Amino acid sequence: MDKLRAMQTFVKVVDEGSLTAAATALRTSLPAVVRTLAALESALQVRLLNRTTRRQSLTDEGRNYLDSCRRILATIDEAEALLSERHVEPSGQLVLTAPVLFGQMHVAPAVTRFVQRYPAVHCRMEFTDRVVNLLEEEIDVGVRIGPLADSNLVARPLGHIRRVVVATPDFLREHGVPSHPDALAHASCVRFIGNPAHWWSFQQEGRPFFVSVHGNLEFNQTAPAVAACAAGAGFGNFLSYQVAPLVAAGALRIVLEDFEQAPWPLSLIYPHARLLPARTRVFADWMRDELGPHFQP
């Protein structure tokens, strides 16, 4: 008995609702479907379907076996699709989202190189700092920083991003390098609008704690806050990628590294794991290669 063929026949009988309809869908004869199903039940030594002249219904064993058959057949379909896609140039529209500043700094250049390599793909980028529901807003792929709460999403890890405290070398020379986050409570800090942003988060020996910060500059956007910090206005609290160019150039210096919280995951997310279009699979691999090396711990 061809076990794979038998599983396909069993699933088709259930989906079509009758042996006759399954035979038509499979382009075979009714006796052939009956023989295949009987051979499968004999091999498994269980009854999969309760059949009468008027109706059929799954047994408990049949219901469990049906779920297993669907998973196995889907895996085979996915493997065959992957082989086929290797010979197909990715094409079509790809809609993606990412946080605004991260998108501008890292995603947009990587996507630009992607469409230059695969010109048949049309990418539309939507940068926003709100959490986007990919399914509701018909978005194919998202780049997300932080924990993922939606278990319906597939997440491909790209790396990690730290939250860091920075200041200019001149500011540190004038005001001193803090040895503990508590010192920030009496220092000038560049803040974001909103009460939660007035409390900066840290950890010590695995335990989180918060420090209330003060200052005479508040912003609702990251870029001007980074610029103010780089101009010497005080300490700033940013995600590491937001200040990485200034840190690399020596314009800003990271302090209090021993008290940083655990790094946040950087992930590529998409709503479905199976039978993705070739453009989505290739794009996921592309972003892993583009971003992964820059965001390892």
C-alpha atoms as a PDB file:
ATOM      1  CA  MET A   1       0.000   0.000   0.000  1.00  0.00           C
ATOM      2  CA  ASP A   2       1.184   3.504  -0.854  1.00  0.00           C
ATOM      3  CA  LYS A   3       0.816   5.093   2.597  1.00  0.00           C
ATOM      4  CA  LEU A   4       1.140   8.666   1.328  1.00  0.00           C
ATOM      5  CA  ARG A   5      -1.493   8.078  -1.348  1.00  0.00           C
ATOM      6  CA  ALA A   6      -3.733   6.462   1.260  1.00  0.00           C
ATOM      7  CA  MET A   7      -3.409   9.469   3.552  1.00  0.00           C
ATOM      8  CA  GLN A   8      -4.271  11.822   0.680  1.00  0.00           C
ATOM      9  CA  THR A   9      -7.318   9.684  -0.122  1.00  0.00           C
ATOM     10  CA  PHE A  10      -8.482   9.681   3.506  1.00  0.00           C
ATOM     11  CA  VAL A  11      -8.191  13.468   3.773  1.00  0.00           C
ATOM     12  CA  LYS A  12     -10.027  13.905   0.460  1.00  0.00           C
ATOM     13  CA  VAL A  13     -12.872  11.626   1.613  1.00  0.00           C
ATOM     14  CA  VAL A  14     -13.309  13.761   4.732  1.00  0.00           C
ATOM     15  CA  ASP A  15     -13.050  17.061   2.848  1.00  0.00           C
ATOM     16  CA  GLU A  16     -15.456  16.020   0.082  1.00  0.00           C
ATOM     17  CA  GLY A  17     -17.930  14.426   2.456  1.00  0.00           C
ATOM     18  CA  SER A  18     -18.352  11.107   0.665  1.00  0.00           C
ATOM     19  CA  LEU A  19     -16.448   8.325  -1.033  1.00  0.00           C
ATOM     20  CA  THR A  20     -18.069   9.106  -4.366  1.00  0.00           C
ATOM     21  CA  ALA A  21     -17.161  12.798  -4.254  1.00  0.00           C
ATOM     22  CA  ALA A  22     -13.611  11.907  -3.231  1.00  0.00           C
ATOM     23  CA  ALA A  23     -13.290   9.538  -6.170  1.00  0.00           C
ATOM     24  CA  THR A  24     -14.386  12.303  -8.516  1.00  0.00           C
ATOM     25  CA  ALA A  25     -11.975  14.837  -6.994  1.00  0.00           C
ATOM     26  CA  LEU A  26      -9.098  12.340  -7.171  1.00  0.00           C
ATOM     27  CA  ARG A  27     -10.057  11.308 -10.724  1.00  0.00           C
ATOM     28  CA  THR A  28     -10.222   7.659  -9.797  1.00  0.00           C
ATOM     29  CA  SER A  29     -12.949   5.057  -9.366  1.00  0.00           C
ATOM     30  CA  LEU A  30     -15.177   4.555  -6.335  1.00  0.00           C
ATOM     31  CA  PRO A  31     -13.960   0.946  -5.827  1.00  0.00           C
ATOM     32  CA  ALA A  32     -10.356   2.210  -5.793  1.00  0.00           C
ATOM     33  CA  VAL A  33     -11.164   4.711  -3.036  1.00  0.00           C
ATOM     34  CA  VAL A  34     -12.987   2.038  -1.036  1.00  0.00           C
ATOM     35  CA  ARG A  35     -10.059  -0.375  -1.353  1.00  0.00           C
ATOM     36  CA  THR A  36      -7.508   2.287  -0.369  1.00  0.00           C
ATOM     37  CA  LEU A  37      -9.464   3.362   2.695  1.00  0.00           C
ATOM     38  CA  ALA A  38     -10.035  -0.251   3.764  1.00  0.00           C
ATOM     39  CA  ALA A  39      -6.319  -1.048   3.355  1.00  0.00           C
ATOM     40  CA  LEU A  40      -5.384   2.001   5.441  1.00  0.00           C
ATOM     41  CA  GLU A  41      -7.747   1.032   8.257  1.00  0.00           C
ATOM     42  CA  SER A  42      -6.426  -2.527   8.125  1.00  0.00           C
ATOM     43  CA  ALA A  43      -2.822  -1.347   8.347  1.00  0.00           C
ATOM     44  CA  LEU A  44      -3.618   0.959  11.269  1.00  0.00           C
ATOM     45  CA  GLN A  45      -5.935  -1.613  12.885  1.00  0.00           C
ATOM     46  CA  VAL A  46      -8.476   1.083  13.686  1.00  0.00           C
ATOM     47  CA  ARG A  47     -11.677   2.330  12.082  1.00  0.00           C
ATOM     48  CA  LEU A  48     -11.253   5.867  10.792  1.00  0.00           C
ATOM     49  CA  LEU A  49     -14.779   6.485   9.531  1.00  0.00           C
ATOM     50  CA  ASN A  50     -18.216   5.311  10.539  1.00  0.00           C
ATOM     51  CA  ARG A  51     -20.012   4.780   7.240  1.00  0.00           C
ATOM     52  CA  THR A  52     -23.652   4.134   6.450  1.00  0.00           C
ATOM     53  CA  THR A  53     -25.589   4.387   3.185  1.00  0.00           C
ATOM     54  CA  ARG A  54     -26.641   7.945   4.091  1.00  0.00           C
ATOM     55  CA  ARG A  55     -23.743   9.510   5.951  1.00  0.00           C
ATOM     56  CA  GLN A  56     -20.218   9.164   7.237  1.00  0.00           C
ATOM     57  CA  SER A  57     -18.553  10.502  10.374  1.00  0.00           C
ATOM     58  CA  LEU A  58     -15.077  10.428  11.837  1.00  0.00           C
ATOM     59  CA  THR A  59     -14.273   8.187  14.753  1.00  0.00           C
ATOM     60  CA  ASP A  60     -12.153   9.608  17.583  1.00  0.00           C
ATOM     61  CA  GLU A  61      -9.151   7.765  16.142  1.00  0.00           C
ATOM     62  CA  GLY A  62      -9.991   9.083  12.699  1.00  0.00           C
ATOM     63  CA  ARG A  63     -10.166  12.666  13.961  1.00  0.00           C
ATOM     64  CA  ASN A  64      -6.716  12.418  15.540  1.00  0.00           C
ATOM     65  CA  TYR A  65      -5.260  10.707  12.491  1.00  0.00           C
ATOM     66  CA  LEU A  66      -6.781  13.344  10.222  1.00  0.00           C
ATOM     67  CA  ASP A  67      -4.899  16.116  12.049  1.00  0.00           C
ATOM     68  CA  SER A  68      -1.651  14.177  11.688  1.00  0.00           C
ATOM     69  CA  CYS A  69      -2.283  13.567   7.987  1.00  0.00           C
ATOM     70  CA  ARG A  70      -2.927  17.245   7.350  1.00  0.00           C
ATOM     71  CA  ARG A  71       0.327  18.234   9.069  1.00  0.00           C
ATOM     72  CA  ILE A  72       2.347  15.635   7.160  1.00  0.00           C
ATOM     73  CA  LEU A  73       0.845  16.525   3.782  1.00  0.00           C
ATOM     74  CA  ALA A  74       1.318  20.263   4.451  1.00  0.00           C
ATOM     75  CA  THR A  75       4.987  19.655   5.278  1.00  0.00           C
ATOM     76  CA  ILE A  76       5.433  17.774   2.013  1.00  0.00           C
ATOM     77  CA  ASP A  77       3.706  20.565   0.078  1.00  0.00           C
ATOM     78  CA  GLU A  78       5.977  23.115   1.734  1.00  0.00           C
ATOM     79  CA  ALA A  79       9.121  21.124   0.896  1.00  0.00           C
ATOM     80  CA  GLU A  80       8.050  20.828  -2.749  1.00  0.00           C
ATOM     81  CA  ALA A  81       7.228  24.526  -2.893  1.00  0.00           C
ATOM     82  CA  LEU A  82      10.671  25.376  -1.561  1.00  0.00           C
ATOM     83  CA  LEU A  83      12.329  23.290  -4.262  1.00  0.00           C
ATOM     84  CA  SER A  84      10.213  24.927  -6.941  1.00  0.00           C
ATOM     85  CA  GLU A  85      10.938  28.421  -5.638  1.00  0.00           C
ATOM     86  CA  ARG A  86      14.674  27.914  -6.072  1.00  0.00           C
ATOM     87  CA  HIS A  87      14.104  28.078  -9.799  1.00  0.00           C
ATOM     88  CA  VAL A  88      11.699  31.030  -9.693  1.00  0.00           C
ATOM     89  CA  GLU A  89      12.759  34.671  -9.500  1.00  0.00           C
ATOM     90  CA  PRO A  90      10.839  36.381  -6.647  1.00  0.00           C
ATOM     91  CA  SER A  91       8.162  38.772  -7.896  1.00  0.00           C
ATOM     92  CA  GLY A  92       5.030  40.612  -6.799  1.00  0.00           C
ATOM     93  CA  GLN A  93       4.245  43.131  -4.063  1.00  0.00           C
ATOM     94  CA  LEU A  94       5.728  42.930  -0.587  1.00  0.00           C
ATOM     95  CA  VAL A  95       4.346  45.243   2.110  1.00  0.00           C
ATOM     96  CA  LEU A  96       6.446  45.676   5.224  1.00  0.00           C
ATOM     97  CA  THR A  97       6.457  47.757   8.384  1.00  0.00           C
ATOM     98  CA  ALA A  98       9.134  48.812  10.859  1.00  0.00           C
ATOM     99  CA  PRO A  99       9.677  51.410  13.613  1.00  0.00           C
ATOM    100  CA  VAL A 100      10.267  54.856  12.123  1.00  0.00           C
ATOM    101  CA  LEU A 101      13.884  55.566  13.030  1.00  0.00           C
ATOM    102  CA  PHE A 102      15.032  51.945  12.742  1.00  0.00           C
ATOM    103  CA  GLY A 103      13.295  51.761   9.394  1.00  0.00           C
ATOM    104  CA  GLN A 104      15.017  54.879   8.149  1.00  0.00           C
ATOM    105  CA  MET A 105      18.454  53.875   9.416  1.00  0.00           C
ATOM    106  CA  HIS A 106      18.533  50.133   8.682  1.00  0.00           C
ATOM    107  CA  VAL A 107      15.466  48.723   6.928  1.00  0.00           C
ATOM    108  CA  ALA A 108      15.211  51.176   4.038  1.00  0.00           C
ATOM    109  CA  PRO A 109      18.846  50.710   2.894  1.00  0.00           C
ATOM    110  CA  ALA A 110      18.522  46.919   3.132  1.00  0.00           C
ATOM    111  CA  VAL A 111      15.247  46.919   1.185  1.00  0.00           C
ATOM    112  CA  THR A 112      16.735  49.200  -1.451  1.00  0.00           C
ATOM    113  CA  ARG A 113      19.520  46.692  -2.017  1.00  0.00           C
ATOM    114  CA  PHE A 114      16.922  43.898  -2.067  1.00  0.00           C
ATOM    115  CA  VAL A 115      14.867  45.384  -4.899  1.00  0.00           C
ATOM    116  CA  GLN A 116      18.038  46.156  -6.825  1.00  0.00           C
ATOM    117  CA  ARG A 117      18.861  42.448  -6.619  1.00  0.00           C
ATOM    118  CA  TYR A 118      15.270  41.338  -7.285  1.00  0.00           C
ATOM    119  CA  PRO A 119      13.727  44.012  -9.534  1.00  0.00           C
ATOM    120  CA  ALA A 120      10.518  42.018 -10.091  1.00  0.00           C
ATOM    121  CA  VAL A 121       9.559  42.601  -6.431  1.00  0.00           C
ATOM    122  CA  HIS A 122       7.689  45.799  -5.582  1.00  0.00           C
ATOM    123  CA  CYS A 123       8.266  46.750  -1.924  1.00  0.00           C
ATOM    124  CA  ARG A 124       6.049  49.189  -0.054  1.00  0.00           C
ATOM    125  CA  MET A 125       7.464  50.342   3.271  1.00  0.00           C
ATOM    126  CA  GLU A 126       5.265  51.722   6.047  1.00  0.00           C
ATOM    127  CA  PHE A 127       7.248  53.078   8.996  1.00  0.00           C
ATOM    128  CA  THR A 128       5.367  53.655  12.249  1.00  0.00           C
ATOM    129  CA  ASP A 129       6.128  53.366  15.955  1.00  0.00           C
ATOM    130  CA  ARG A 130       2.749  51.869  16.848  1.00  0.00           C
ATOM    131  CA  VAL A 131       2.262  48.095  17.064  1.00  0.00           C
ATOM    132  CA  VAL A 132       0.758  47.015  13.746  1.00  0.00           C
ATOM    133  CA  ASN A 133      -1.637  44.077  13.330  1.00  0.00           C
ATOM    134  CA  LEU A 134      -0.208  42.430  10.230  1.00  0.00           C
ATOM    135  CA  LEU A 135      -3.319  40.431   9.363  1.00  0.00           C
ATOM    136  CA  GLU A 136      -5.835  43.249   9.837  1.00  0.00           C
ATOM    137  CA  GLU A 137      -3.752  45.759   7.886  1.00  0.00           C
ATOM    138  CA  GLU A 138      -2.694  43.306   5.148  1.00  0.00           C
ATOM    139  CA  ILE A 139       1.027  43.653   5.768  1.00  0.00           C
ATOM    140  CA  ASP A 140       3.318  40.808   4.737  1.00  0.00           C
ATOM    141  CA  VAL A 141       6.338  41.325   6.966  1.00  0.00           C
ATOM    142  CA  GLY A 142       7.231  43.418   9.998  1.00  0.00           C
ATOM    143  CA  VAL A 143      10.414  44.292  11.848  1.00  0.00           C
ATOM    144  CA  ARG A 144       9.744  44.470  15.568  1.00  0.00           C
ATOM    145  CA  ILE A 145      11.874  45.447  18.544  1.00  0.00           C
ATOM    146  CA  GLY A 146      10.874  43.939  21.877  1.00  0.00           C
ATOM    147  CA  PRO A 147       8.965  40.902  23.172  1.00  0.00           C
ATOM    148  CA  LEU A 148       6.320  39.397  20.909  1.00  0.00           C
ATOM    149  CA  ALA A 149       2.917  38.926  22.507  1.00  0.00           C
ATOM    150  CA  ASP A 150       1.023  37.613  19.449  1.00  0.00           C
ATOM    151  CA  SER A 151       1.441  33.835  19.286  1.00  0.00           C
ATOM    152  CA  ASN A 152      -0.143  33.804  15.803  1.00  0.00           C
ATOM    153  CA  LEU A 153       2.967  35.431  14.361  1.00  0.00           C
ATOM    154  CA  VAL A 154       6.042  33.622  13.170  1.00  0.00           C
ATOM    155  CA  ALA A 155       9.185  35.353  14.432  1.00  0.00           C
ATOM    156  CA  ARG A 156      12.624  34.997  12.883  1.00  0.00           C
ATOM    157  CA  PRO A 157      15.297  36.322  15.277  1.00  0.00           C
ATOM    158  CA  LEU A 158      17.620  38.930  13.789  1.00  0.00           C
ATOM    159  CA  GLY A 159      19.564  39.898  16.908  1.00  0.00           C
ATOM    160  CA  HIS A 160      19.238  42.018  20.034  1.00  0.00           C
ATOM    161  CA  ILE A 161      19.100  45.712  20.840  1.00  0.00           C
ATOM    162  CA  ARG A 162      20.177  47.324  24.116  1.00  0.00           C
ATOM    163  CA  ARG A 163      18.719  50.321  25.903  1.00  0.00           C
ATOM    164  CA  VAL A 164      21.627  52.584  26.865  1.00  0.00           C
ATOM    165  CA  VAL A 165      22.320  55.797  28.755  1.00  0.00           C
ATOM    166  CA  VAL A 166      24.611  58.220  26.936  1.00  0.00           C
ATOM    167  CA  ALA A 167      26.127  61.681  27.275  1.00  0.00           C
ATOM    168  CA  THR A 168      28.805  63.693  25.519  1.00  0.00           C
ATOM    169  CA  PRO A 169      32.426  63.429  26.694  1.00  0.00           C
ATOM    170  CA  ASP A 170      32.414  67.167  27.549  1.00  0.00           C
ATOM    171  CA  PHE A 171      29.260  66.788  29.653  1.00  0.00           C
ATOM    172  CA  LEU A 172      30.816  63.859  31.529  1.00  0.00           C
ATOM    173  CA  ARG A 173      34.017  65.781  32.168  1.00  0.00           C
ATOM    174  CA  GLU A 174      32.026  68.678  33.601  1.00  0.00           C
ATOM    175  CA  HIS A 175      29.484  66.729  35.631  1.00  0.00           C
ATOM    176  CA  GLY A 176      31.271  63.433  36.271  1.00  0.00           C
ATOM    177  CA  VAL A 177      30.660  59.879  35.138  1.00  0.00           C
ATOM    178  CA  PRO A 178      27.851  58.330  37.224  1.00  0.00           C
ATOM    179  CA  SER A 179      28.734  55.100  39.020  1.00  0.00           C
ATOM    180  CA  HIS A 180      25.104  54.203  39.795  1.00  0.00           C
ATOM    181  CA  PRO A 181      21.784  55.111  38.110  1.00  0.00           C
ATOM    182  CA  ASP A 182      20.610  56.866  41.282  1.00  0.00           C
ATOM    183  CA  ALA A 183      22.961  59.721  40.346  1.00  0.00           C
ATOM    184  CA  LEU A 184      20.688  60.501  37.371  1.00  0.00           C
ATOM    185  CA  ALA A 185      17.964  61.718  39.737  1.00  0.00           C
ATOM    186  CA  HIS A 186      20.068  64.844  40.360  1.00  0.00           C
ATOM    187  CA  ALA A 187      21.341  65.352  36.806  1.00  0.00           C
ATOM    188  CA  SER A 188      20.026  67.013  33.673  1.00  0.00           C
ATOM    189  CA  CYS A 189      18.326  64.399  31.482  1.00  0.00           C
ATOM    190  CA  VAL A 190      16.764  64.668  28.037  1.00  0.00           C
ATOM    191  CA  ARG A 191      13.307  63.161  28.346  1.00  0.00           C
ATOM    192  CA  PHE A 192      10.347  62.117  26.245  1.00  0.00           C
ATOM    193  CA  ILE A 193       6.850  63.491  26.738  1.00  0.00           C
ATOM    194  CA  GLY A 194       4.717  61.296  28.997  1.00  0.00           C
ATOM    195  CA  ASN A 195       5.036  60.212  32.613  1.00  0.00           C
ATOM    196  CA  PRO A 196       6.404  56.694  31.944  1.00  0.00           C
ATOM    197  CA  ALA A 197       9.381  58.201  30.144  1.00  0.00           C
ATOM    198  CA  HIS A 198      10.266  60.179  33.295  1.00  0.00           C
ATOM    199  CA  TRP A 199      11.204  56.898  34.942  1.00  0.00           C
ATOM    200  CA  TRP A 200      14.228  55.141  33.475  1.00  0.00           C
ATOM    201  CA  SER A 201      14.527  51.390  33.931  1.00  0.00           C
ATOM    202  CA  PHE A 202      17.611  49.502  35.103  1.00  0.00           C
ATOM    203  CA  GLN A 203      18.512  46.240  36.767  1.00  0.00           C
ATOM    204  CA  GLN A 204      20.986  45.179  39.427  1.00  0.00           C
ATOM    205  CA  GLU A 205      21.782  41.548  40.197  1.00  0.00           C
ATOM    206  CA  GLY A 206      18.832  40.539  38.022  1.00  0.00           C
ATOM    207  CA  ARG A 207      16.327  42.766  39.822  1.00  0.00           C
ATOM    208  CA  PRO A 208      14.696  45.687  37.977  1.00  0.00           C
ATOM    209  CA  PHE A 209      14.465  49.137  39.492  1.00  0.00           C
ATOM    210  CA  PHE A 210      13.519  52.628  38.305  1.00  0.00           C
ATOM    211  CA  VAL A 211      14.995  56.096  38.649  1.00  0.00           C
ATOM    212  CA  SER A 212      12.963  59.292  38.363  1.00  0.00           C
ATOM    213  CA  VAL A 213      14.774  61.702  36.010  1.00  0.00           C
ATOM    214  CA  HIS A 214      14.442  65.430  35.431  1.00  0.00           C
ATOM    215  CA  GLY A 215      15.488  67.991  32.859  1.00  0.00           C
ATOM    216  CA  ASN A 216      14.364  71.068  30.961  1.00  0.00           C
ATOM    217  CA  LEU A 217      14.053  69.397  27.541  1.00  0.00           C
ATOM    218  CA  GLU A 218      11.263  67.023  26.499  1.00  0.00           C
ATOM    219  CA  PHE A 219      10.561  65.601  23.059  1.00  0.00           C
ATOM    220  CA  ASN A 220       7.947  63.404  21.408  1.00  0.00           C
ATOM    221  CA  GLN A 221      10.372  62.219  18.710  1.00  0.00           C
ATOM    222  CA  THR A 222      13.664  60.366  19.018  1.00  0.00           C
ATOM    223  CA  ALA A 223      15.805  62.156  16.441  1.00  0.00           C
ATOM    224  CA  PRO A 224      15.678  65.641  18.045  1.00  0.00           C
ATOM    225  CA  ALA A 225      16.181  64.094  21.488  1.00  0.00           C
ATOM    226  CA  VAL A 226      19.351  62.378  20.254  1.00  0.00           C
ATOM    227  CA  ALA A 227      20.510  65.645  18.684  1.00  0.00           C
ATOM    228  CA  ALA A 228      19.941  67.518  21.959  1.00  0.00           C
ATOM    229  CA  CYS A 229      21.873  64.918  23.891  1.00  0.00           C
ATOM    230  CA  ALA A 230      24.718  65.104  21.347  1.00  0.00           C
ATOM    231  CA  ALA A 231      24.711  68.891  21.800  1.00  0.00           C
ATOM    232  CA  GLY A 232      25.513  68.416  25.486  1.00  0.00           C
ATOM    233  CA  ALA A 233      22.057  69.016  26.977  1.00  0.00           C
ATOM    234  CA  GLY A 234      22.343  66.090  29.401  1.00  0.00           C
ATOM    235  CA  PHE A 235      22.029  62.347  29.713  1.00  0.00           C
ATOM    236  CA  GLY A 236      19.842  60.506  27.247  1.00  0.00           C
ATOM    237  CA  ASN A 237      18.214  57.078  27.359  1.00  0.00           C
ATOM    238  CA  PHE A 238      17.935  55.485  23.914  1.00  0.00           C
ATOM    239  CA  LEU A 239      17.911  52.194  22.072  1.00  0.00           C
ATOM    240  CA  SER A 240      21.463  51.379  21.074  1.00  0.00           C
ATOM    241  CA  TYR A 241      20.897  51.620  17.307  1.00  0.00           C
ATOM    242  CA  GLN A 242      19.512  55.150  17.699  1.00  0.00           C
ATOM    243  CA  VAL A 243      22.862  56.476  18.941  1.00  0.00           C
ATOM    244  CA  ALA A 244      25.248  53.914  17.402  1.00  0.00           C
ATOM    245  CA  PRO A 245      26.721  56.299  14.768  1.00  0.00           C
ATOM    246  CA  LEU A 246      27.394  59.001  17.384  1.00  0.00           C
ATOM    247  CA  VAL A 247      28.901  56.479  19.810  1.00  0.00           C
ATOM    248  CA  ALA A 248      31.132  55.092  17.056  1.00  0.00           C
ATOM    249  CA  ALA A 249      32.249  58.631  16.174  1.00  0.00           C
ATOM    250  CA  GLY A 250      33.035  59.456  19.818  1.00  0.00           C
ATOM    251  CA  ALA A 251      30.369  62.175  20.018  1.00  0.00           C
ATOM    252  CA  LEU A 252      28.458  60.236  22.682  1.00  0.00           C
ATOM    253  CA  ARG A 253      29.661  57.814  25.334  1.00  0.00           C
ATOM    254  CA  ILE A 254      27.687  54.973  26.920  1.00  0.00           C
ATOM    255  CA  VAL A 255      27.611  54.916  30.730  1.00  0.00           C
ATOM    256  CA  LEU A 256      26.101  52.633  33.392  1.00  0.00           C
ATOM    257  CA  GLU A 257      26.481  49.522  31.217  1.00  0.00           C
ATOM    258  CA  ASP A 258      26.522  47.262  34.283  1.00  0.00           C
ATOM    259  CA  PHE A 259      22.967  48.322  35.105  1.00  0.00           C
ATOM    260  CA  GLU A 260      21.367  47.883  31.685  1.00  0.00           C
ATOM    261  CA  GLN A 261      18.248  45.787  31.362  1.00  0.00           C
ATOM    262  CA  ALA A 262      18.359  42.587  29.319  1.00  0.00           C
ATOM    263  CA  PRO A 263      18.613  43.337  25.574  1.00  0.00           C
ATOM    264  CA  TRP A 264      15.396  43.414  23.574  1.00  0.00           C
ATOM    265  CA  PRO A 265      14.929  40.913  20.733  1.00  0.00           C
ATOM    266  CA  LEU A 266      14.989  42.193  17.176  1.00  0.00           C
ATOM    267  CA  SER A 267      12.690  40.031  15.048  1.00  0.00           C
ATOM    268  CA  LEU A 268      11.317  39.689  11.560  1.00  0.00           C
ATOM    269  CA  ILE A 269       7.665  38.694  11.862  1.00  0.00           C
ATOM    270  CA  TYR A 270       5.082  37.371   9.441  1.00  0.00           C
ATOM    271  CA  PRO A 271       1.638  35.850   9.964  1.00  0.00           C
ATOM    272  CA  HIS A 272       1.943  32.426   8.357  1.00  0.00           C
ATOM    273  CA  ALA A 273       4.666  29.787   8.505  1.00  0.00           C
ATOM    274  CA  ARG A 274       3.620  27.520   5.658  1.00  0.00           C
ATOM    275  CA  LEU A 275       3.652  28.014   1.911  1.00  0.00           C
ATOM    276  CA  LEU A 276       4.913  31.574   1.958  1.00  0.00           C
ATOM    277  CA  PRO A 277       5.442  33.272  -1.414  1.00  0.00           C
ATOM    278  CA  ALA A 278       8.976  33.068  -2.747  1.00  0.00           C
ATOM    279  CA  ARG A 279       9.431  36.835  -2.309  1.00  0.00           C
ATOM    280  CA  THR A 280       8.674  36.591   1.437  1.00  0.00           C
ATOM    281  CA  ARG A 281      11.041  33.683   2.006  1.00  0.00           C
ATOM    282  CA  VAL A 282      13.850  35.295   0.060  1.00  0.00           C
ATOM    283  CA  PHE A 283      13.273  38.620   1.800  1.00  0.00           C
ATOM    284  CA  ALA A 284      13.412  36.984   5.251  1.00  0.00           C
ATOM    285  CA  ASP A 285      16.775  35.419   4.385  1.00  0.00           C
ATOM    286  CA  TRP A 286      17.990  38.723   2.965  1.00  0.00           C
ATOM    287  CA  MET A 287      17.138  40.681   6.116  1.00  0.00           C
ATOM    288  CA  ARG A 288      18.753  38.041   8.313  1.00  0.00           C
ATOM    289  CA  ASP A 289      21.987  38.425   6.367  1.00  0.00           C
ATOM    290  CA  GLU A 290      21.734  42.225   6.208  1.00  0.00           C
ATOM    291  CA  LEU A 291      20.823  42.990   9.813  1.00  0.00           C
ATOM    292  CA  GLY A 292      21.917  39.940  11.796  1.00  0.00           C
ATOM    293  CA  PRO A 293      25.675  40.648  11.862  1.00  0.00           C
ATOM    294  CA  HIS A 294      25.086  44.174  13.248  1.00  0.00           C
ATOM    295  CA  PHE A 295      22.825  43.266  16.168  1.00  0.00           C
ATOM    296  CA  GLN A 296      24.450  40.335  17.907  1.00  0.00           C
ATOM    297  CA  PRO A 297      25.020  40.540  21.689  1.00  0.00           C
END
